[in-house]
PDB file of N, CA and C in Angstrom:
ATOM      1  N   MET A   1       0.847  -1.200   0.000  1.00  0.00           N
ATOM      2  CA  MET A   1       0.000   0.000   0.000  1.00  0.00           C
ATOM      3  C   MET A   1       0.877   1.243   0.000  1.00  0.00           C
ATOM      4  N   ASN A   2       0.612   2.128  -0.895  1.00  0.00           N
ATOM      5  CA  ASN A   2       1.402   3.346  -0.950  1.00  0.00           C
ATOM      6  C   ASN A   2       0.805   4.413  -0.042  1.00  0.00           C
ATOM      7  N   GLN A   3       1.397   4.496   1.141  1.00  0.00           N
ATOM      8  CA  GLN A   3       0.883   5.375   2.185  1.00  0.00           C
ATOM      9  C   GLN A   3       0.801   6.838   1.757  1.00  0.00           C
ATOM     10  N   LYS A   4       1.875   7.334   1.165  1.00  0.00           N
ATOM     11  CA  LYS A   4       1.915   8.733   0.752  1.00  0.00           C
ATOM     12  C   LYS A   4       0.801   9.059  -0.232  1.00  0.00           C
ATOM     13  N   GLN A   5       0.569   8.135  -1.175  1.00  0.00           N
ATOM     14  CA  GLN A   5      -0.433   8.393  -2.200  1.00  0.00           C
ATOM     15  C   GLN A   5      -1.843   8.506  -1.640  1.00  0.00           C
ATOM     16  N   TRP A   6      -2.246   7.543  -0.829  1.00  0.00           N
ATOM     17  CA  TRP A   6      -3.621   7.627  -0.312  1.00  0.00           C
ATOM     18  C   TRP A   6      -3.782   8.795   0.646  1.00  0.00           C
ATOM     19  N   MET A   7      -2.705   9.090   1.388  1.00  0.00           N
ATOM     20  CA  MET A   7      -2.797  10.212   2.328  1.00  0.00           C
ATOM     21  C   MET A   7      -2.924  11.548   1.598  1.00  0.00           C
ATOM     22  N   SER A   8      -2.157  11.730   0.521  1.00  0.00           N
ATOM     23  CA  SER A   8      -2.268  13.002  -0.189  1.00  0.00           C
ATOM     24  C   SER A   8      -3.603  13.103  -0.928  1.00  0.00           C
ATOM     25  N   LEU A   9      -4.101  11.957  -1.416  1.00  0.00           N
ATOM     26  CA  LEU A   9      -5.406  11.955  -2.075  1.00  0.00           C
ATOM     27  C   LEU A   9      -6.517  12.309  -1.076  1.00  0.00           C
ATOM     28  N   LEU A  10      -6.402  11.753   0.136  1.00  0.00           N
ATOM     29  CA  LEU A  10      -7.395  12.063   1.167  1.00  0.00           C
ATOM     30  C   LEU A  10      -7.308  13.546   1.543  1.00  0.00           C
ATOM     31  N   GLY A  11      -6.095  14.076   1.551  1.00  0.00           N
ATOM     32  CA  GLY A  11      -5.904  15.503   1.805  1.00  0.00           C
ATOM     33  C   GLY A  11      -6.598  16.344   0.752  1.00  0.00           C
ATOM     34  N   LEU A  12      -6.482  15.925  -0.495  1.00  0.00           N
ATOM     35  CA  LEU A  12      -7.163  16.619  -1.600  1.00  0.00           C
ATOM     36  C   LEU A  12      -8.672  16.567  -1.423  1.00  0.00           C
ATOM     37  N   ALA A  13      -9.169  15.388  -1.091  1.00  0.00           N
ATOM     38  CA  ALA A  13     -10.611  15.215  -0.877  1.00  0.00           C
ATOM     39  C   ALA A  13     -11.084  16.124   0.250  1.00  0.00           C
ATOM     40  N   ASN A  14     -10.242  16.256   1.275  1.00  0.00           N
ATOM     41  CA  ASN A  14     -10.568  17.122   2.397  1.00  0.00           C
ATOM     42  C   ASN A  14     -10.642  18.581   1.948  1.00  0.00           C
ATOM     43  N   ARG A  15      -9.652  19.012   1.174  1.00  0.00           N
ATOM     44  CA  ARG A  15      -9.655  20.399   0.690  1.00  0.00           C
ATOM     45  C   ARG A  15     -10.835  20.665  -0.238  1.00  0.00           C
ATOM     46  N   ALA A  16     -11.263  19.619  -0.937  1.00  0.00           N
ATOM     47  CA  ALA A  16     -12.412  19.755  -1.835  1.00  0.00           C
ATOM     48  C   ALA A  16     -13.729  19.640  -1.056  1.00  0.00           C
ATOM     49  N   ARG A  17     -13.623  19.519   0.262  1.00  0.00           N
ATOM     50  CA  ARG A  17     -14.783  19.360   1.151  1.00  0.00           C
ATOM     51  C   ARG A  17     -15.637  18.150   0.788  1.00  0.00           C
ATOM     52  N   LYS A  18     -14.967  17.048   0.465  1.00  0.00           N
ATOM     53  CA  LYS A  18     -15.676  15.835   0.067  1.00  0.00           C
ATOM     54  C   LYS A  18     -15.596  14.745   1.128  1.00  0.00           C
ATOM     55  N   ILE A  19     -15.179  15.107   2.333  1.00  0.00           N
ATOM     56  CA  ILE A  19     -15.113  14.096   3.389  1.00  0.00           C
ATOM     57  C   ILE A  19     -15.810  14.606   4.652  1.00  0.00           C
ATOM     58  N   THR A  20     -16.120  13.674   5.520  1.00  0.00           N
ATOM     59  CA  THR A  20     -16.612  14.022   6.844  1.00  0.00           C
ATOM     60  C   THR A  20     -15.907  13.095   7.826  1.00  0.00           C
ATOM     61  N   THR A  21     -15.683  13.575   9.042  1.00  0.00           N
ATOM     62  CA  THR A  21     -14.993  12.727  10.005  1.00  0.00           C
ATOM     63  C   THR A  21     -15.826  12.580  11.265  1.00  0.00           C
ATOM     64  N   GLY A  22     -15.511  11.552  12.026  1.00  0.00           N
ATOM     65  CA  GLY A  22     -16.223  11.315  13.272  1.00  0.00           C
ATOM     66  C   GLY A  22     -17.300  10.268  13.090  1.00  0.00           C
ATOM     67  N   GLU A  23     -17.494   9.495  14.141  1.00  0.00           N
ATOM     68  CA  GLU A  23     -18.411   8.359  14.095  1.00  0.00           C
ATOM     69  C   GLU A  23     -19.841   8.763  13.745  1.00  0.00           C
ATOM     70  N   GLU A  24     -20.390   9.728  14.485  1.00  0.00           N
ATOM     71  CA  GLU A  24     -21.803  10.092  14.278  1.00  0.00           C
ATOM     72  C   GLU A  24     -22.062  10.640  12.877  1.00  0.00           C
ATOM     73  N   LEU A  25     -21.214  11.571  12.440  1.00  0.00           N
ATOM     74  CA  LEU A  25     -21.395  12.169  11.113  1.00  0.00           C
ATOM     75  C   LEU A  25     -21.228  11.128  10.018  1.00  0.00           C
ATOM     76  N   THR A  26     -20.272  10.217  10.216  1.00  0.00           N
ATOM     77  CA  THR A  26     -20.048   9.167   9.222  1.00  0.00           C
ATOM     78  C   THR A  26     -21.272   8.260   9.105  1.00  0.00           C
ATOM     79  N   VAL A  27     -21.818   7.847  10.255  1.00  0.00           N
ATOM     80  CA  VAL A  27     -23.019   6.992  10.252  1.00  0.00           C
ATOM     81  C   VAL A  27     -24.165   7.715   9.546  1.00  0.00           C
ATOM     82  N   LYS A  28     -24.292   9.017   9.804  1.00  0.00           N
ATOM     83  CA  LYS A  28     -25.346   9.811   9.165  1.00  0.00           C
ATOM     84  C   LYS A  28     -25.182   9.810   7.644  1.00  0.00           C
ATOM     85  N   GLU A  29     -23.949  10.002   7.171  1.00  0.00           N
ATOM     86  CA  GLU A  29     -23.696  10.034   5.728  1.00  0.00           C
ATOM     87  C   GLU A  29     -23.910   8.658   5.089  1.00  0.00           C
ATOM     88  N   ILE A  30     -23.600   7.591   5.840  1.00  0.00           N
ATOM     89  CA  ILE A  30     -23.850   6.236   5.332  1.00  0.00           C
ATOM     90  C   ILE A  30     -25.357   6.054   5.152  1.00  0.00           C
ATOM     91  N   ARG A  31     -26.117   6.452   6.177  1.00  0.00           N
ATOM     92  CA  ARG A  31     -27.587   6.341   6.117  1.00  0.00           C
ATOM     93  C   ARG A  31     -28.177   7.157   4.972  1.00  0.00           C
ATOM     94  N   ASN A  32     -27.633   8.355   4.759  1.00  0.00           N
ATOM     95  CA  ASN A  32     -28.128   9.230   3.691  1.00  0.00           C
ATOM     96  C   ASN A  32     -27.737   8.749   2.306  1.00  0.00           C
ATOM     97  N   GLY A  33     -26.886   7.730   2.260  1.00  0.00           N
ATOM     98  CA  GLY A  33     -26.430   7.239   0.973  1.00  0.00           C
ATOM     99  C   GLY A  33     -25.382   8.131   0.344  1.00  0.00           C
ATOM    100  N   LYS A  34     -24.801   9.035   1.140  1.00  0.00           N
ATOM    101  CA  LYS A  34     -23.808   9.960   0.591  1.00  0.00           C
ATOM    102  C   LYS A  34     -22.386   9.430   0.691  1.00  0.00           C
ATOM    103  N   ALA A  35     -22.144   8.574   1.677  1.00  0.00           N
ATOM    104  CA  ALA A  35     -20.784   8.038   1.849  1.00  0.00           C
ATOM    105  C   ALA A  35     -20.490   7.023   0.750  1.00  0.00           C
ATOM    106  N   LYS A  36     -19.383   7.224   0.032  1.00  0.00           N
ATOM    107  CA  LYS A  36     -18.997   6.311  -1.049  1.00  0.00           C
ATOM    108  C   LYS A  36     -17.911   5.346  -0.565  1.00  0.00           C
ATOM    109  N   LEU A  37     -17.217   5.761   0.512  1.00  0.00           N
ATOM    110  CA  LEU A  37     -16.148   4.951   1.073  1.00  0.00           C
ATOM    111  C   LEU A  37     -15.924   5.400   2.499  1.00  0.00           C
ATOM    112  N   VAL A  38     -15.685   4.436   3.384  1.00  0.00           N
ATOM    113  CA  VAL A  38     -15.380   4.767   4.771  1.00  0.00           C
ATOM    114  C   VAL A  38     -13.988   4.245   5.090  1.00  0.00           C
ATOM    115  N   LEU A  39     -13.170   5.112   5.670  1.00  0.00           N
ATOM    116  CA  LEU A  39     -11.832   4.718   6.113  1.00  0.00           C
ATOM    117  C   LEU A  39     -11.868   4.606   7.627  1.00  0.00           C
ATOM    118  N   LEU A  40     -11.457   3.458   8.116  1.00  0.00           N
ATOM    119  CA  LEU A  40     -11.516   3.184   9.550  1.00  0.00           C
ATOM    120  C   LEU A  40     -10.112   2.863  10.039  1.00  0.00           C
ATOM    121  N   SER A  41      -9.710   3.465  11.141  1.00  0.00           N
ATOM    122  CA  SER A  41      -8.366   3.174  11.628  1.00  0.00           C
ATOM    123  C   SER A  41      -8.350   1.818  12.317  1.00  0.00           C
ATOM    124  N   ALA A  42      -7.250   1.114  12.159  1.00  0.00           N
ATOM    125  CA  ALA A  42      -7.125  -0.231  12.725  1.00  0.00           C
ATOM    126  C   ALA A  42      -7.129  -0.202  14.254  1.00  0.00           C
ATOM    127  N   ASP A  43      -6.854   0.973  14.822  1.00  0.00           N
ATOM    128  CA  ASP A  43      -6.838   1.058  16.291  1.00  0.00           C
ATOM    129  C   ASP A  43      -8.122   1.663  16.873  1.00  0.00           C
ATOM    130  N   ALA A  44      -9.190   1.649  16.081  1.00  0.00           N
ATOM    131  CA  ALA A  44     -10.484   2.114  16.599  1.00  0.00           C
ATOM    132  C   ALA A  44     -10.969   1.108  17.649  1.00  0.00           C
ATOM    133  N   SER A  45     -11.826   1.557  18.543  1.00  0.00           N
ATOM    134  CA  SER A  45     -12.344   0.642  19.569  1.00  0.00           C
ATOM    135  C   SER A  45     -13.198  -0.437  18.901  1.00  0.00           C
ATOM    136  N   ALA A  46     -13.347  -1.561  19.602  1.00  0.00           N
ATOM    137  CA  ALA A  46     -14.139  -2.676  19.073  1.00  0.00           C
ATOM    138  C   ALA A  46     -15.566  -2.222  18.774  1.00  0.00           C
ATOM    139  N   ASN A  47     -16.132  -1.416  19.668  1.00  0.00           N
ATOM    140  CA  ASN A  47     -17.497  -0.911  19.473  1.00  0.00           C
ATOM    141  C   ASN A  47     -17.627  -0.085  18.207  1.00  0.00           C
ATOM    142  N   THR A  48     -16.699   0.855  18.053  1.00  0.00           N
ATOM    143  CA  THR A  48     -16.725   1.724  16.875  1.00  0.00           C
ATOM    144  C   THR A  48     -16.541   0.902  15.611  1.00  0.00           C
ATOM    145  N   THR A  49     -15.572  -0.001  15.629  1.00  0.00           N
ATOM    146  CA  THR A  49     -15.308  -0.848  14.468  1.00  0.00           C
ATOM    147  C   THR A  49     -16.551  -1.622  14.072  1.00  0.00           C
ATOM    148  N   LYS A  50     -17.217  -2.239  15.064  1.00  0.00           N
ATOM    149  CA  LYS A  50     -18.418  -3.030  14.789  1.00  0.00           C
ATOM    150  C   LYS A  50     -19.541  -2.147  14.239  1.00  0.00           C
ATOM    151  N   LYS A  51     -19.755  -1.012  14.904  1.00  0.00           N
ATOM    152  CA  LYS A  51     -20.828  -0.113  14.499  1.00  0.00           C
ATOM    153  C   LYS A  51     -20.638   0.354  13.049  1.00  0.00           C
ATOM    154  N   ILE A  52     -19.428   0.792  12.739  1.00  0.00           N
ATOM    155  CA  ILE A  52     -19.153   1.310  11.404  1.00  0.00           C
ATOM    156  C   ILE A  52     -19.191   0.203  10.354  1.00  0.00           C
ATOM    157  N   THR A  53     -18.554  -0.934  10.622  1.00  0.00           N
ATOM    158  CA  THR A  53     -18.545  -2.013   9.619  1.00  0.00           C
ATOM    159  C   THR A  53     -19.949  -2.585   9.403  1.00  0.00           C
ATOM    160  N   ASP A  54     -20.739  -2.709  10.475  1.00  0.00           N
ATOM    161  CA  ASP A  54     -22.125  -3.180  10.332  1.00  0.00           C
ATOM    162  C   ASP A  54     -22.938  -2.222   9.459  1.00  0.00           C
ATOM    163  N   LYS A  55     -22.800  -0.928   9.729  1.00  0.00           N
ATOM    164  CA  LYS A  55     -23.513   0.082   8.930  1.00  0.00           C
ATOM    165  C   LYS A  55     -23.078   0.013   7.475  1.00  0.00           C
ATOM    166  N   CYS A  56     -21.772  -0.049   7.248  1.00  0.00           N
ATOM    167  CA  CYS A  56     -21.253  -0.124   5.880  1.00  0.00           C
ATOM    168  C   CYS A  56     -21.808  -1.347   5.169  1.00  0.00           C
ATOM    169  N   ASN A  57     -21.798  -2.487   5.863  1.00  0.00           N
ATOM    170  CA  ASN A  57     -22.297  -3.713   5.250  1.00  0.00           C
ATOM    171  C   ASN A  57     -23.784  -3.631   4.929  1.00  0.00           C
ATOM    172  N   SER A  58     -24.579  -3.093   5.853  1.00  0.00           N
ATOM    173  CA  SER A  58     -26.012  -3.067   5.582  1.00  0.00           C
ATOM    174  C   SER A  58     -26.390  -2.040   4.509  1.00  0.00           C
ATOM    175  N   TYR A  59     -25.585  -0.985   4.355  1.00  0.00           N
ATOM    176  CA  TYR A  59     -25.869   0.005   3.315  1.00  0.00           C
ATOM    177  C   TYR A  59     -24.983  -0.175   2.091  1.00  0.00           C
ATOM    178  N   GLU A  60     -24.214  -1.275   2.075  1.00  0.00           N
ATOM    179  CA  GLU A  60     -23.329  -1.597   0.961  1.00  0.00           C
ATOM    180  C   GLU A  60     -22.361  -0.474   0.623  1.00  0.00           C
ATOM    181  N   VAL A  61     -21.748   0.073   1.648  1.00  0.00           N
ATOM    182  CA  VAL A  61     -20.723   1.097   1.469  1.00  0.00           C
ATOM    183  C   VAL A  61     -19.369   0.412   1.688  1.00  0.00           C
ATOM    184  N   PRO A  62     -18.449   0.537   0.727  1.00  0.00           N
ATOM    185  CA  PRO A  62     -17.145  -0.095   0.938  1.00  0.00           C
ATOM    186  C   PRO A  62     -16.389   0.588   2.078  1.00  0.00           C
ATOM    187  N   PHE A  63     -15.602  -0.193   2.807  1.00  0.00           N
ATOM    188  CA  PHE A  63     -14.754   0.422   3.829  1.00  0.00           C
ATOM    189  C   PHE A  63     -13.362  -0.188   3.764  1.00  0.00           C
ATOM    190  N   LYS A  64     -12.388   0.606   4.166  1.00  0.00           N
ATOM    191  CA  LYS A  64     -11.002   0.164   4.165  1.00  0.00           C
ATOM    192  C   LYS A  64     -10.389   0.483   5.520  1.00  0.00           C
ATOM    193  N   MET A  65      -9.504  -0.396   5.962  1.00  0.00           N
ATOM    194  CA  MET A  65      -8.794  -0.148   7.206  1.00  0.00           C
ATOM    195  C   MET A  65      -7.485   0.566   6.887  1.00  0.00           C
ATOM    196  N   VAL A  66      -7.146   1.540   7.715  1.00  0.00           N
ATOM    197  CA  VAL A  66      -5.826   2.161   7.596  1.00  0.00           C
ATOM    198  C   VAL A  66      -5.090   1.913   8.913  1.00  0.00           C
ATOM    199  N   GLU A  67      -3.771   2.052   8.873  1.00  0.00           N
ATOM    200  CA  GLU A  67      -2.948   1.632  10.001  1.00  0.00           C
ATOM    201  C   GLU A  67      -3.371   2.169  11.370  1.00  0.00           C
ATOM    202  N   ASP A  68      -3.472   3.480  11.491  1.00  0.00           N
ATOM    203  CA  ASP A  68      -3.891   4.012  12.788  1.00  0.00           C
ATOM    204  C   ASP A  68      -4.510   5.399  12.680  1.00  0.00           C
ATOM    205  N   ARG A  69      -5.073   5.832  13.788  1.00  0.00           N
ATOM    206  CA  ARG A  69      -5.815   7.103  13.819  1.00  0.00           C
ATOM    207  C   ARG A  69      -4.932   8.320  13.551  1.00  0.00           C
ATOM    208  N   HIS A  70      -3.643   8.198  13.872  1.00  0.00           N
ATOM    209  CA  HIS A  70      -2.758   9.350  13.671  1.00  0.00           C
ATOM    210  C   HIS A  70      -2.504   9.599  12.185  1.00  0.00           C
ATOM    211  N   LEU A  71      -2.336   8.515  11.429  1.00  0.00           N
ATOM    212  CA  LEU A  71      -2.165   8.636   9.976  1.00  0.00           C
ATOM    213  C   LEU A  71      -3.405   9.242   9.343  1.00  0.00           C
ATOM    214  N   LEU A  72      -4.551   8.770   9.781  1.00  0.00           N
ATOM    215  CA  LEU A  72      -5.814   9.239   9.226  1.00  0.00           C
ATOM    216  C   LEU A  72      -5.983  10.740   9.488  1.00  0.00           C
ATOM    217  N   GLY A  73      -5.680  11.162  10.706  1.00  0.00           N
ATOM    218  CA  GLY A  73      -5.772  12.579  11.036  1.00  0.00           C
ATOM    219  C   GLY A  73      -4.737  13.397  10.283  1.00  0.00           C
ATOM    220  N   GLN A  74      -3.523  12.868  10.234  1.00  0.00           N
ATOM    221  CA  GLN A  74      -2.415  13.548   9.564  1.00  0.00           C
ATOM    222  C   GLN A  74      -2.732  13.796   8.095  1.00  0.00           C
ATOM    223  N   ALA A  75      -3.369  12.823   7.457  1.00  0.00           N
ATOM    224  CA  ALA A  75      -3.700  12.921   6.034  1.00  0.00           C
ATOM    225  C   ALA A  75      -4.594  14.129   5.754  1.00  0.00           C
ATOM    226  N   ILE A  76      -5.440  14.486   6.709  1.00  0.00           N
ATOM    227  CA  ILE A  76      -6.352  15.617   6.501  1.00  0.00           C
ATOM    228  C   ILE A  76      -5.945  16.833   7.325  1.00  0.00           C
ATOM    229  N   GLY A  77      -4.718  16.786   7.848  1.00  0.00           N
ATOM    230  CA  GLY A  77      -4.185  17.934   8.572  1.00  0.00           C
ATOM    231  C   GLY A  77      -4.905  18.230   9.869  1.00  0.00           C
ATOM    232  N   LYS A  78      -5.394  17.171  10.532  1.00  0.00           N
ATOM    233  CA  LYS A  78      -6.103  17.361  11.786  1.00  0.00           C
ATOM    234  C   LYS A  78      -5.543  16.439  12.858  1.00  0.00           C
ATOM    235  N   GLU A  79      -6.122  16.539  14.037  1.00  0.00           N
ATOM    236  CA  GLU A  79      -5.771  15.625  15.116  1.00  0.00           C
ATOM    237  C   GLU A  79      -6.149  14.215  14.709  1.00  0.00           C
ATOM    238  N   ALA A  80      -5.773  13.256  15.523  1.00  0.00           N
ATOM    239  CA  ALA A  80      -6.087  11.854  15.244  1.00  0.00           C
ATOM    240  C   ALA A  80      -7.569  11.680  14.914  1.00  0.00           C
ATOM    241  N   ARG A  81      -7.849  10.915  13.888  1.00  0.00           N
ATOM    242  CA  ARG A  81      -9.224  10.619  13.483  1.00  0.00           C
ATOM    243  C   ARG A  81      -9.389   9.110  13.387  1.00  0.00           C
ATOM    244  N   VAL A  82     -10.491   8.603  13.906  1.00  0.00           N
ATOM    245  CA  VAL A  82     -10.724   7.160  13.890  1.00  0.00           C
ATOM    246  C   VAL A  82     -11.469   6.743  12.625  1.00  0.00           C
ATOM    247  N   VAL A  83     -12.363   7.605  12.161  1.00  0.00           N
ATOM    248  CA  VAL A  83     -13.166   7.248  10.989  1.00  0.00           C
ATOM    249  C   VAL A  83     -13.389   8.466  10.089  1.00  0.00           C
ATOM    250  N   VAL A  84     -13.282   8.225   8.789  1.00  0.00           N
ATOM    251  CA  VAL A  84     -13.481   9.271   7.789  1.00  0.00           C
ATOM    252  C   VAL A  84     -14.377   8.710   6.690  1.00  0.00           C
ATOM    253  N   ALA A  85     -15.386   9.477   6.291  1.00  0.00           N
ATOM    254  CA  ALA A  85     -16.235   9.066   5.170  1.00  0.00           C
ATOM    255  C   ALA A  85     -15.905   9.937   3.967  1.00  0.00           C
ATOM    256  N   VAL A  86     -15.765   9.314   2.805  1.00  0.00           N
ATOM    257  CA  VAL A  86     -15.492  10.032   1.559  1.00  0.00           C
ATOM    258  C   VAL A  86     -16.801  10.110   0.777  1.00  0.00           C
ATOM    259  N   MET A  87     -17.199  11.333   0.405  1.00  0.00           N
ATOM    260  CA  MET A  87     -18.498  11.529  -0.227  1.00  0.00           C
ATOM    261  C   MET A  87     -18.446  11.738  -1.734  1.00  0.00           C
ATOM    262  N   ASP A  88     -17.326  11.420  -2.338  1.00  0.00           N
ATOM    263  CA  ASP A  88     -17.170  11.661  -3.764  1.00  0.00           C
ATOM    264  C   ASP A  88     -16.760  10.362  -4.450  1.00  0.00           C
ATOM    265  N   ASP A  89     -17.482  10.008  -5.524  1.00  0.00           N
ATOM    266  CA  ASP A  89     -17.208   8.754  -6.233  1.00  0.00           C
ATOM    267  C   ASP A  89     -15.781   8.656  -6.749  1.00  0.00           C
ATOM    268  N   GLY A  90     -15.326   9.737  -7.371  1.00  0.00           N
ATOM    269  CA  GLY A  90     -13.978   9.744  -7.941  1.00  0.00           C
ATOM    270  C   GLY A  90     -12.917   9.485  -6.892  1.00  0.00           C
ATOM    271  N   PHE A  91     -12.967  10.265  -5.816  1.00  0.00           N
ATOM    272  CA  PHE A  91     -12.002  10.083  -4.727  1.00  0.00           C
ATOM    273  C   PHE A  91     -12.116   8.685  -4.135  1.00  0.00           C
ATOM    274  N   ALA A  92     -13.351   8.230  -3.933  1.00  0.00           N
ATOM    275  CA  ALA A  92     -13.577   6.925  -3.320  1.00  0.00           C
ATOM    276  C   ALA A  92     -12.971   5.805  -4.172  1.00  0.00           C
ATOM    277  N   LYS A  93     -13.240   5.835  -5.480  1.00  0.00           N
ATOM    278  CA  LYS A  93     -12.731   4.787  -6.363  1.00  0.00           C
ATOM    279  C   LYS A  93     -11.205   4.755  -6.368  1.00  0.00           C
ATOM    280  N   LYS A  94     -10.601   5.924  -6.430  1.00  0.00           N
ATOM    281  CA  LYS A  94      -9.139   5.999  -6.462  1.00  0.00           C
ATOM    282  C   LYS A  94      -8.544   5.527  -5.133  1.00  0.00           C
ATOM    283  N   LEU A  95      -9.152   5.940  -4.031  1.00  0.00           N
ATOM    284  CA  LEU A  95      -8.670   5.505  -2.714  1.00  0.00           C
ATOM    285  C   LEU A  95      -8.773   3.992  -2.554  1.00  0.00           C
ATOM    286  N   ILE A  96      -9.853   3.429  -3.059  1.00  0.00           N
ATOM    287  CA  ILE A  96     -10.019   1.981  -2.963  1.00  0.00           C
ATOM    288  C   ILE A  96      -8.892   1.268  -3.698  1.00  0.00           C
ATOM    289  N   THR A  97      -8.514   1.776  -4.888  1.00  0.00           N
ATOM    290  CA  THR A  97      -7.433   1.124  -5.620  1.00  0.00           C
ATOM    291  C   THR A  97      -6.113   1.278  -4.882  1.00  0.00           C
ATOM    292  N   LEU A  98      -5.892   2.435  -4.259  1.00  0.00           N
ATOM    293  CA  LEU A  98      -4.643   2.662  -3.528  1.00  0.00           C
ATOM    294  C   LEU A  98      -4.575   1.835  -2.244  1.00  0.00           C
ATOM    295  N   LEU A  99      -5.716   1.570  -1.646  1.00  0.00           N
ATOM    296  CA  LEU A  99      -5.723   0.863  -0.355  1.00  0.00           C
ATOM    297  C   LEU A  99      -5.906  -0.645  -0.506  1.00  0.00           C
ATOM    298  N   ASP A 100      -6.082  -1.108  -1.737  1.00  0.00           N
ATOM    299  CA  ASP A 100      -6.255  -2.560  -1.931  1.00  0.00           C
ATOM    300  C   ASP A 100      -4.965  -3.320  -1.733  1.00  0.00           C
TER     301      ASP A 100
END
């Protein structure tokens, strides 16, 4: 996995205002059908991981695990983030290929 590539792409998506972060907002976007991809940090709590993956599965939203919350936050120039939803098809498709 090319860490630099997905992180800079996520940064771009952030600048384009195509992402949302945080558990509650992410779940809301999944429900609204707006989330095209969810990035979940591997060090998220078991509860958060289950809640997000269950939601993604029931709404058929792809999700990818990233190494940890610090990388996820760093990619968007913020504090540690456990979960990020990408709301743009283009960004989502490209991120999926980079994170596969």
